[in-house]
């Protein structure tokens, strides 16, 4: 099913607006190291834990708490969308 947008793609799309070119590497690392999965194996049930790890990491990278809060809220929208 080439051409299908994966959940990983959706996470990357949201994250790009916050982290720019480092996005793919950052998201891939979070998935591999904390969920012990390959990016293409990411499922909706994994999102809560992934968002927790991403939030922790981004809070260490940025002092802008409002930005981090909005980023997390944007990611949490993926948990509510039909998948």
N, C-alpha and C. Protein backbone atom coordinates (compact mmCIF):
# COMPACT_ATOMS: atom_id res chain seq x y z
N UNK A 1 0.82 -1.19 0.00
CA UNK A 1 0.00 0.00 0.00
C UNK A 1 0.86 1.25 0.00
N UNK A 2 1.62 1.41 -0.99
CA UNK A 2 2.44 2.59 -1.08
C UNK A 2 1.56 3.81 -1.26
N UNK A 3 2.01 4.91 -0.71
CA UNK A 3 1.23 6.13 -0.81
C UNK A 3 0.33 6.38 0.38
N UNK A 4 0.10 5.34 1.21
CA UNK A 4 -0.71 5.53 2.41
C UNK A 4 0.07 6.34 3.43
N UNK A 5 -0.61 7.25 4.07
CA UNK A 5 0.01 8.05 5.12
C UNK A 5 -0.06 7.26 6.42
N UNK A 6 1.09 7.02 7.01
CA UNK A 6 1.14 6.25 8.25
C UNK A 6 0.99 7.18 9.45
N UNK A 7 0.77 6.59 10.59
CA UNK A 7 0.69 7.35 11.82
C UNK A 7 2.04 8.05 12.08
N UNK A 8 3.11 7.36 11.78
CA UNK A 8 4.45 7.96 11.89
C UNK A 8 4.52 9.23 11.04
N UNK A 9 4.03 9.17 9.81
CA UNK A 9 4.03 10.34 8.93
C UNK A 9 3.27 11.50 9.56
N UNK A 10 2.16 11.19 10.20
CA UNK A 10 1.35 12.22 10.83
C UNK A 10 2.09 12.86 12.01
N UNK A 11 2.77 12.04 12.80
CA UNK A 11 3.55 12.56 13.92
C UNK A 11 4.67 13.46 13.40
N UNK A 12 5.33 13.02 12.34
CA UNK A 12 6.42 13.80 11.75
C UNK A 12 5.88 15.13 11.20
N UNK A 13 4.75 15.09 10.56
CA UNK A 13 4.17 16.32 9.99
C UNK A 13 3.90 17.36 11.08
N UNK A 14 3.33 16.93 12.18
CA UNK A 14 3.07 17.85 13.30
C UNK A 14 4.38 18.33 13.90
N UNK A 15 5.30 17.42 14.12
CA UNK A 15 6.56 17.75 14.78
C UNK A 15 7.42 18.69 13.94
N UNK A 16 7.34 18.58 12.64
CA UNK A 16 8.16 19.42 11.77
C UNK A 16 7.93 20.91 12.04
N UNK A 17 6.71 21.27 12.33
CA UNK A 17 6.40 22.67 12.62
C UNK A 17 7.08 23.18 13.88
N UNK A 18 7.50 22.28 14.73
CA UNK A 18 8.16 22.65 15.99
C UNK A 18 9.67 22.44 15.96
N UNK A 19 10.12 21.39 15.28
CA UNK A 19 11.55 21.06 15.31
C UNK A 19 12.27 21.21 13.98
N UNK A 20 11.52 21.40 12.91
CA UNK A 20 12.16 21.60 11.61
C UNK A 20 12.89 20.37 11.11
N UNK A 21 14.05 20.58 10.48
CA UNK A 21 14.77 19.50 9.82
C UNK A 21 15.20 18.34 10.73
N UNK A 22 15.26 18.57 12.02
CA UNK A 22 15.67 17.50 12.95
C UNK A 22 14.53 16.52 13.25
N UNK A 23 13.36 16.79 12.72
CA UNK A 23 12.15 16.05 13.07
C UNK A 23 12.25 14.54 12.86
N UNK A 24 12.60 14.12 11.68
CA UNK A 24 12.60 12.68 11.38
C UNK A 24 13.52 11.93 12.34
N UNK A 25 14.70 12.45 12.53
CA UNK A 25 15.67 11.80 13.42
C UNK A 25 15.14 11.77 14.86
N UNK A 26 14.57 12.87 15.31
CA UNK A 26 14.04 12.97 16.67
C UNK A 26 12.91 11.96 16.90
N UNK A 27 11.92 11.95 16.02
CA UNK A 27 10.77 11.07 16.19
C UNK A 27 11.19 9.61 16.08
N UNK A 28 12.02 9.31 15.11
CA UNK A 28 12.52 7.93 14.95
C UNK A 28 13.23 7.47 16.21
N UNK A 29 14.06 8.32 16.77
CA UNK A 29 14.79 7.96 17.99
C UNK A 29 13.83 7.70 19.14
N UNK A 30 12.82 8.55 19.29
CA UNK A 30 11.85 8.35 20.38
C UNK A 30 11.13 7.01 20.24
N UNK A 31 10.73 6.69 19.03
CA UNK A 31 10.01 5.43 18.80
C UNK A 31 10.92 4.23 19.04
N UNK A 32 12.11 4.25 18.47
CA UNK A 32 13.01 3.10 18.61
C UNK A 32 13.48 2.89 20.04
N UNK A 33 13.87 3.97 20.71
CA UNK A 33 14.46 3.82 22.04
C UNK A 33 13.44 3.64 23.16
N UNK A 34 12.28 4.24 23.02
CA UNK A 34 11.32 4.18 24.11
C UNK A 34 10.18 3.19 23.87
N UNK A 35 9.83 2.97 22.62
CA UNK A 35 8.76 2.02 22.32
C UNK A 35 9.30 0.69 21.80
N UNK A 36 10.59 0.69 21.46
CA UNK A 36 11.26 -0.51 20.94
C UNK A 36 10.56 -1.04 19.69
N UNK A 37 10.24 -0.10 18.80
CA UNK A 37 9.58 -0.42 17.54
C UNK A 37 10.26 0.33 16.41
N UNK A 38 9.98 -0.10 15.21
CA UNK A 38 10.37 0.65 14.03
C UNK A 38 9.28 1.69 13.77
N UNK A 39 9.62 2.83 13.18
CA UNK A 39 8.61 3.87 12.93
C UNK A 39 7.36 3.38 12.21
N UNK A 40 7.52 2.49 11.25
CA UNK A 40 6.37 2.00 10.49
C UNK A 40 5.46 1.09 11.33
N UNK A 41 5.93 0.67 12.49
CA UNK A 41 5.13 -0.18 13.38
C UNK A 41 4.30 0.63 14.39
N UNK A 42 4.45 1.95 14.36
CA UNK A 42 3.73 2.81 15.29
C UNK A 42 2.22 2.67 15.10
N UNK A 43 1.51 2.48 16.20
CA UNK A 43 0.07 2.34 16.19
C UNK A 43 -0.57 3.34 17.14
N UNK A 44 -1.84 3.56 16.95
CA UNK A 44 -2.55 4.53 17.77
C UNK A 44 -2.41 4.22 19.27
N UNK A 45 -2.40 2.96 19.64
CA UNK A 45 -2.27 2.58 21.04
C UNK A 45 -0.92 2.98 21.62
N UNK A 46 0.07 3.25 20.77
CA UNK A 46 1.40 3.66 21.21
C UNK A 46 1.51 5.16 21.47
N UNK A 47 0.53 5.91 21.01
CA UNK A 47 0.65 7.37 21.03
C UNK A 47 0.78 7.96 22.43
N UNK A 48 0.02 7.48 23.38
CA UNK A 48 0.07 8.06 24.72
C UNK A 48 1.49 8.01 25.28
N UNK A 49 2.12 6.85 25.21
CA UNK A 49 3.48 6.70 25.72
C UNK A 49 4.47 7.52 24.89
N UNK A 50 4.31 7.50 23.58
CA UNK A 50 5.20 8.28 22.72
C UNK A 50 5.10 9.77 23.05
N UNK A 51 3.90 10.26 23.23
CA UNK A 51 3.70 11.68 23.54
C UNK A 51 4.33 12.03 24.88
N UNK A 52 4.25 11.12 25.85
CA UNK A 52 4.89 11.36 27.15
C UNK A 52 6.41 11.51 26.98
N UNK A 53 7.02 10.63 26.21
CA UNK A 53 8.46 10.71 25.98
C UNK A 53 8.84 11.96 25.18
N UNK A 54 8.06 12.26 24.17
CA UNK A 54 8.33 13.46 23.38
C UNK A 54 8.22 14.70 24.24
N UNK A 55 7.19 14.77 25.07
CA UNK A 55 7.00 15.91 25.96
C UNK A 55 8.20 16.09 26.89
N UNK A 56 8.65 15.01 27.47
CA UNK A 56 9.81 15.07 28.36
C UNK A 56 11.04 15.59 27.62
N UNK A 57 11.28 15.05 26.44
CA UNK A 57 12.46 15.46 25.66
C UNK A 57 12.38 16.92 25.23
N UNK A 58 11.23 17.35 24.75
CA UNK A 58 11.09 18.72 24.25
C UNK A 58 11.14 19.72 25.41
N UNK A 59 10.63 19.33 26.57
CA UNK A 59 10.74 20.21 27.74
C UNK A 59 12.20 20.45 28.13
N UNK A 60 13.07 19.48 27.85
CA UNK A 60 14.50 19.66 28.12
C UNK A 60 15.17 20.53 27.05
N UNK A 61 14.56 20.60 25.87
CA UNK A 61 15.14 21.37 24.77
C UNK A 61 14.67 22.82 24.73
N UNK A 62 13.51 23.08 25.33
CA UNK A 62 12.92 24.41 25.21
C UNK A 62 12.43 24.94 26.56
N UNK A 63 12.62 26.22 26.77
CA UNK A 63 12.09 26.89 27.96
C UNK A 63 10.69 27.45 27.70
N UNK A 64 10.24 27.37 26.47
CA UNK A 64 8.93 27.91 26.09
C UNK A 64 7.84 26.89 26.41
N UNK A 65 7.31 26.96 27.62
CA UNK A 65 6.32 25.99 28.08
C UNK A 65 5.02 26.04 27.27
N UNK A 66 4.65 27.23 26.82
CA UNK A 66 3.43 27.34 26.02
C UNK A 66 3.60 26.63 24.67
N UNK A 67 4.76 26.76 24.07
CA UNK A 67 5.05 26.08 22.82
C UNK A 67 4.99 24.57 23.01
N UNK A 68 5.58 24.08 24.07
CA UNK A 68 5.58 22.64 24.35
C UNK A 68 4.15 22.16 24.59
N UNK A 69 3.39 22.94 25.34
CA UNK A 69 2.00 22.60 25.63
C UNK A 69 1.19 22.50 24.33
N UNK A 70 1.39 23.44 23.42
CA UNK A 70 0.67 23.42 22.14
C UNK A 70 1.10 22.23 21.29
N UNK A 71 2.38 21.95 21.28
CA UNK A 71 2.91 20.81 20.52
C UNK A 71 2.27 19.50 21.02
N UNK A 72 2.26 19.32 22.32
CA UNK A 72 1.66 18.12 22.91
C UNK A 72 0.17 18.05 22.57
N UNK A 73 -0.51 19.17 22.65
CA UNK A 73 -1.94 19.20 22.30
C UNK A 73 -2.15 18.81 20.84
N UNK A 74 -1.28 19.28 19.97
CA UNK A 74 -1.38 18.93 18.55
C UNK A 74 -1.19 17.42 18.35
N UNK A 75 -0.22 16.85 19.05
CA UNK A 75 0.00 15.41 18.95
C UNK A 75 -1.18 14.63 19.53
N UNK A 76 -1.73 15.12 20.62
CA UNK A 76 -2.86 14.43 21.25
C UNK A 76 -4.08 14.38 20.35
N UNK A 77 -4.18 15.31 19.41
CA UNK A 77 -5.28 15.27 18.44
C UNK A 77 -5.25 13.96 17.65
N UNK A 78 -4.07 13.42 17.44
CA UNK A 78 -3.95 12.16 16.70
C UNK A 78 -4.61 11.00 17.45
N UNK A 79 -4.69 11.11 18.77
CA UNK A 79 -5.33 10.05 19.55
C UNK A 79 -6.84 10.08 19.38
N UNK A 80 -7.36 11.21 18.96
CA UNK A 80 -8.80 11.37 18.81
C UNK A 80 -9.28 11.12 17.39
N UNK A 81 -8.38 11.18 16.45
CA UNK A 81 -8.76 10.98 15.04
C UNK A 81 -8.99 9.50 14.76
N UNK A 82 -9.85 9.24 13.81
CA UNK A 82 -10.11 7.87 13.39
C UNK A 82 -8.86 7.32 12.72
N UNK A 83 -8.44 6.17 13.13
CA UNK A 83 -7.24 5.51 12.58
C UNK A 83 -7.53 4.09 12.25
